[in-house]
Amino acid sequence: MDGTSISVGPVFFAALAALAVLGAGVVGWARLGPGRAVLSASARAAVQLAAVSAIIVVVLRSWWSAAAFIVVMYVVAAFTSARRISPRRTGWVTVLPIGLAVVPALGLLIATRALPRTPLAVLPTAGILIGGAMTATGLAGRRALDELRLRHGEYEAALALGFVNRDAALEVCRPAAGEALIPALDQTRTVGLVTLPGAFVGVLLGGAGPVQAGATQLLILVALLAAEAVAIAVTVALVARGRLGER
């Protein structure tokens, strides 16, 4: 094993189990929620990554298989966001903010050739953008609906002043939902100072120089920021129109 690779063996699995148990224990002790959620999420991640590791080489062999895998990621992301926002059937609407966020951003990267037109480059980039849009959609939807419930009196007052339903809802929920962009903003502002994100490290480990790695990471971060902004804006609009969640 060289100095840049991780050895998968008994020590690796022991450390993984210890971290999962520690996280679950703290969540339970601090009454932050069910500790088993940390254990189940960790176990699920292990199973899913093992499966992906087994099939990724096959997926990357052609554009058809890579595109199919991207569609699967998109569907899972929309389903996950829908579960976080609303148990009702309207949850399927989350396909809109995620799709409208990812397709233009990824399409621009490919069309301008800023991103190499290969499955090896497009697939992981699509995954990053879909994952960011999923998180932003879920956070924005929950914050918007929570704000409308907590400040229902202000919503009713706006209606009494002559606001239409959509505008009244936007006045109440838009600022809180906008906070869903804070994690992406913080990540972009502090990159290189607080964290060295995966794309930067991955390009370095692949043999490229620091400048190439920095350029790749910058491209990903700005694309992710744009995608999340679109996802949040569309999610808030859907909530305000009563198309997503319960009001």
Protein backbone atom coordinates (compact mmCIF):
# COMPACT_ATOMS: atom_id res chain seq x y z
CA MET A 1 0.00 0.00 0.00
CA ASP A 2 1.32 3.49 -0.87
CA GLY A 3 0.85 6.63 1.17
CA THR A 4 -2.29 7.75 -0.66
CA SER A 5 -4.47 4.65 -0.49
CA ILE A 6 -6.57 3.17 2.27
CA SER A 7 -6.11 -0.46 3.22
CA VAL A 8 -9.42 -2.28 3.41
CA GLY A 9 -9.04 -4.83 6.17
CA PRO A 10 -9.93 -5.58 9.80
CA VAL A 11 -8.56 -2.24 11.06
CA PHE A 12 -10.59 -0.33 8.48
CA PHE A 13 -13.84 -2.05 9.43
CA ALA A 14 -13.12 -1.70 13.15
CA ALA A 15 -12.58 2.05 12.75
CA LEU A 16 -15.73 2.33 10.63
CA ALA A 17 -17.82 0.50 13.22
CA ALA A 18 -16.38 2.56 16.07
CA LEU A 19 -17.22 5.82 14.33
CA ALA A 20 -20.77 4.69 13.56
CA VAL A 21 -21.34 3.59 17.16
CA LEU A 22 -19.86 6.86 18.45
CA GLY A 23 -22.16 8.93 16.25
CA ALA A 24 -25.21 6.87 17.23
CA GLY A 25 -24.29 7.08 20.91
CA VAL A 26 -23.92 10.85 20.85
CA VAL A 27 -27.21 11.31 19.00
CA GLY A 28 -29.00 9.13 21.53
CA TRP A 29 -27.27 10.64 24.57
CA ALA A 30 -27.95 14.22 23.45
CA ARG A 31 -31.54 13.30 22.48
CA LEU A 32 -31.05 14.60 18.96
CA GLY A 33 -33.11 11.78 17.52
CA PRO A 34 -32.97 8.00 17.22
CA GLY A 35 -29.36 6.84 17.37
CA ARG A 36 -30.19 3.88 15.19
CA ALA A 37 -30.63 6.31 12.29
CA VAL A 38 -26.86 6.86 12.29
CA LEU A 39 -26.21 3.12 12.36
CA SER A 40 -28.69 2.38 9.59
CA ALA A 41 -27.37 5.23 7.43
CA SER A 42 -23.80 4.00 7.90
CA ALA A 43 -24.75 0.42 7.06
CA ARG A 44 -26.74 1.52 4.04
CA ALA A 45 -23.84 3.64 2.79
CA ALA A 46 -21.49 0.67 3.14
CA VAL A 47 -23.79 -1.61 1.16
CA GLN A 48 -24.47 0.96 -1.54
CA LEU A 49 -20.81 1.89 -1.98
CA ALA A 50 -19.86 -1.76 -2.16
CA ALA A 51 -22.43 -2.26 -4.91
CA VAL A 52 -21.32 0.87 -6.77
CA SER A 53 -17.67 -0.17 -6.51
CA ALA A 54 -18.57 -3.48 -8.10
CA ILE A 55 -20.50 -2.04 -11.05
CA ILE A 56 -18.87 1.35 -11.66
CA VAL A 57 -16.24 -0.04 -14.03
CA VAL A 58 -18.99 -1.56 -16.19
CA VAL A 59 -21.09 1.63 -16.02
CA LEU A 60 -18.23 3.79 -17.24
CA ARG A 61 -17.66 1.70 -20.36
CA SER A 62 -20.35 3.44 -22.41
CA TRP A 63 -22.50 6.53 -22.51
CA TRP A 64 -25.70 4.47 -22.38
CA SER A 65 -24.84 2.80 -19.09
CA ALA A 66 -23.52 6.08 -17.63
CA ALA A 67 -26.72 7.89 -18.63
CA ALA A 68 -28.86 5.14 -17.10
CA PHE A 69 -26.90 5.40 -13.86
CA ILE A 70 -27.42 9.18 -13.81
CA VAL A 71 -31.18 8.66 -14.22
CA VAL A 72 -31.16 6.25 -11.28
CA MET A 73 -29.33 8.84 -9.14
CA TYR A 74 -31.86 11.48 -10.18
CA VAL A 75 -34.86 9.33 -9.27
CA VAL A 76 -33.40 8.34 -5.89
CA ALA A 77 -32.55 11.98 -5.13
CA ALA A 78 -36.09 13.14 -5.97
CA PHE A 79 -37.58 10.36 -3.84
CA THR A 80 -35.32 11.23 -0.91
CA SER A 81 -36.19 14.93 -1.06
CA ALA A 82 -39.88 14.13 -1.36
CA ARG A 83 -39.78 12.01 1.79
CA ARG A 84 -38.05 14.80 3.70
CA ILE A 85 -40.55 17.45 2.62
CA SER A 86 -43.97 15.86 2.42
CA PRO A 87 -45.55 12.45 3.02
CA ARG A 88 -48.30 13.33 0.58
CA ARG A 89 -48.41 12.39 -3.07
CA THR A 90 -47.36 15.93 -3.99
CA GLY A 91 -43.84 14.94 -2.99
CA TRP A 92 -43.12 13.68 -6.52
CA VAL A 93 -42.95 17.33 -7.59
CA THR A 94 -39.38 17.39 -6.25
CA VAL A 95 -38.32 16.05 -9.66
CA LEU A 96 -38.78 19.62 -10.93
CA PRO A 97 -36.36 21.59 -8.71
CA ILE A 98 -33.69 18.90 -8.95
CA GLY A 99 -34.04 18.49 -12.71
CA LEU A 100 -34.21 22.24 -13.42
CA ALA A 101 -31.11 22.72 -11.27
CA VAL A 102 -28.93 19.93 -12.63
CA VAL A 103 -29.73 19.81 -16.34
CA PRO A 104 -28.75 23.42 -17.20
CA ALA A 105 -25.61 23.37 -15.03
CA LEU A 106 -24.40 20.03 -16.34
CA GLY A 107 -25.43 20.89 -19.89
CA LEU A 108 -23.44 24.12 -19.78
CA LEU A 109 -20.33 22.32 -18.52
CA ILE A 110 -20.58 19.76 -21.31
CA ALA A 111 -21.55 22.18 -24.09
CA THR A 112 -18.68 24.55 -23.38
CA ARG A 113 -16.24 21.65 -22.99
CA ALA A 114 -15.26 23.01 -19.58
CA LEU A 115 -15.89 19.42 -18.51
CA PRO A 116 -14.34 16.61 -20.56
CA ARG A 117 -17.00 14.82 -22.60
CA THR A 118 -16.31 11.40 -21.15
CA PRO A 119 -18.39 9.18 -18.84
CA LEU A 120 -15.51 9.23 -16.35
CA ALA A 121 -15.84 13.01 -15.98
CA VAL A 122 -19.59 13.49 -16.50
CA LEU A 123 -20.90 10.75 -14.20
CA PRO A 124 -19.26 11.88 -10.94
CA THR A 125 -19.98 15.54 -11.75
CA ALA A 126 -23.63 14.72 -12.30
CA GLY A 127 -23.67 12.86 -9.00
CA ILE A 128 -22.23 15.87 -7.15
CA LEU A 129 -24.76 18.25 -8.70
CA ILE A 130 -27.70 15.91 -8.10
CA GLY A 131 -26.65 15.37 -4.50
CA GLY A 132 -26.34 19.10 -3.87
CA ALA A 133 -29.70 19.84 -5.49
CA MET A 134 -31.29 17.05 -3.45
CA THR A 135 -30.02 18.50 -0.18
CA ALA A 136 -30.96 22.05 -1.12
CA THR A 137 -34.46 21.00 -2.19
CA GLY A 138 -35.08 19.06 1.00
CA LEU A 139 -33.82 21.84 3.27
CA ALA A 140 -35.62 24.62 1.42
CA GLY A 141 -38.89 22.70 1.31
CA ARG A 142 -38.85 21.86 5.00
CA ARG A 143 -37.83 25.36 6.06
CA ALA A 144 -40.49 26.96 3.87
CA LEU A 145 -43.29 24.71 5.16
CA ASP A 146 -42.18 25.04 8.79
CA GLU A 147 -42.12 28.82 8.47
CA LEU A 148 -45.59 28.91 6.97
CA ARG A 149 -46.91 26.79 9.84
CA LEU A 150 -45.20 28.83 12.54
CA ARG A 151 -46.10 32.19 11.04
CA HIS A 152 -49.55 31.34 9.75
CA GLY A 153 -50.93 34.48 11.37
CA GLU A 154 -48.62 36.66 9.27
CA TYR A 155 -49.67 34.73 6.19
CA GLU A 156 -53.35 35.41 6.98
CA ALA A 157 -52.55 39.07 7.65
CA ALA A 158 -50.90 39.39 4.25
CA LEU A 159 -53.99 37.90 2.63
CA ALA A 160 -56.14 40.42 4.50
CA LEU A 161 -53.99 43.21 3.08
CA GLY A 162 -54.78 42.07 -0.44
CA PHE A 163 -51.86 39.76 -1.23
CA VAL A 164 -52.68 36.76 -3.40
CA ASN A 165 -51.93 33.35 -1.85
CA ARG A 166 -48.61 32.92 -3.67
CA ASP A 167 -47.25 36.35 -2.76
CA ALA A 168 -48.38 36.06 0.86
CA ALA A 169 -46.65 32.70 1.20
CA LEU A 170 -43.46 34.01 -0.41
CA GLU A 171 -43.31 36.96 1.98
CA VAL A 172 -43.36 34.55 4.91
CA CYS A 173 -41.26 31.61 3.78
CA ARG A 174 -38.74 32.96 1.28
CA PRO A 175 -36.12 34.29 3.77
CA ALA A 176 -36.07 31.09 5.83
CA ALA A 177 -35.94 28.84 2.77
CA GLY A 178 -33.05 30.90 1.42
CA GLU A 179 -30.97 29.70 4.37
CA ALA A 180 -30.73 26.33 2.60
CA LEU A 181 -28.02 27.90 0.44
CA ILE A 182 -25.79 28.67 3.44
CA PRO A 183 -23.92 25.31 3.46
CA ALA A 184 -22.98 25.69 -0.21
CA LEU A 185 -21.96 29.31 0.31
CA ASP A 186 -19.80 28.42 3.30
CA GLN A 187 -18.19 25.55 1.44
CA THR A 188 -17.35 27.79 -1.52
CA ARG A 189 -16.08 30.66 0.62
CA THR A 190 -13.80 28.50 2.75
CA VAL A 191 -12.50 26.05 0.15
CA GLY A 192 -8.75 25.66 0.47
CA LEU A 193 -8.77 27.37 3.88
CA VAL A 194 -10.92 24.98 5.89
CA THR A 195 -11.40 22.00 3.59
CA LEU A 196 -9.83 20.36 0.57
CA PRO A 197 -12.92 18.90 -1.18
CA GLY A 198 -13.05 15.56 -2.93
CA ALA A 199 -12.66 16.77 -6.51
CA PHE A 200 -9.43 18.61 -5.64
CA VAL A 201 -7.94 15.65 -3.82
CA GLY A 202 -9.15 13.19 -6.45
CA VAL A 203 -7.53 15.08 -9.32
CA LEU A 204 -4.28 15.33 -7.37
CA LEU A 205 -4.32 11.60 -6.65
CA GLY A 206 -5.00 11.00 -10.34
CA GLY A 207 -1.65 12.54 -11.17
CA ALA A 208 -2.61 16.09 -12.21
CA GLY A 209 -0.91 19.18 -10.84
CA PRO A 210 -2.21 21.54 -8.15
CA VAL A 211 -3.37 24.14 -10.70
CA GLN A 212 -5.42 21.58 -12.61
CA ALA A 213 -6.87 20.26 -9.35
CA GLY A 214 -7.77 23.76 -8.19
CA ALA A 215 -9.42 24.62 -11.51
CA THR A 216 -11.47 21.42 -11.40
CA GLN A 217 -12.63 22.05 -7.85
CA LEU A 218 -13.52 25.67 -8.60
CA LEU A 219 -15.61 24.60 -11.58
CA ILE A 220 -17.48 22.03 -9.50
CA LEU A 221 -18.11 24.40 -6.59
CA VAL A 222 -19.47 27.23 -8.72
CA ALA A 223 -21.65 24.83 -10.73
CA LEU A 224 -22.92 23.34 -7.47
CA LEU A 225 -23.68 26.78 -6.08
CA ALA A 226 -25.67 27.69 -9.19
CA ALA A 227 -27.54 24.38 -9.19
CA GLU A 228 -28.50 24.68 -5.52
CA ALA A 229 -29.68 28.27 -6.01
CA VAL A 230 -31.99 27.13 -8.81
CA ALA A 231 -33.25 24.17 -6.77
CA ILE A 232 -34.08 26.41 -3.81
CA ALA A 233 -35.82 29.03 -5.94
CA VAL A 234 -38.00 26.44 -7.69
CA THR A 235 -38.79 24.66 -4.42
CA VAL A 236 -39.92 27.88 -2.74
CA ALA A 237 -42.09 28.73 -5.76
CA LEU A 238 -43.73 25.29 -5.63
CA VAL A 239 -44.41 25.57 -1.89
CA ALA A 240 -45.84 29.08 -2.30
CA ARG A 241 -48.18 27.85 -5.01
CA GLY A 242 -49.33 24.95 -2.84
CA ARG A 243 -47.91 22.36 -5.24
CA LEU A 244 -45.50 20.89 -2.71
CA GLY A 245 -46.23 19.90 0.87
CA GLU A 246 -49.12 20.82 3.14
CA ARG A 247 -49.96 24.38 3.99
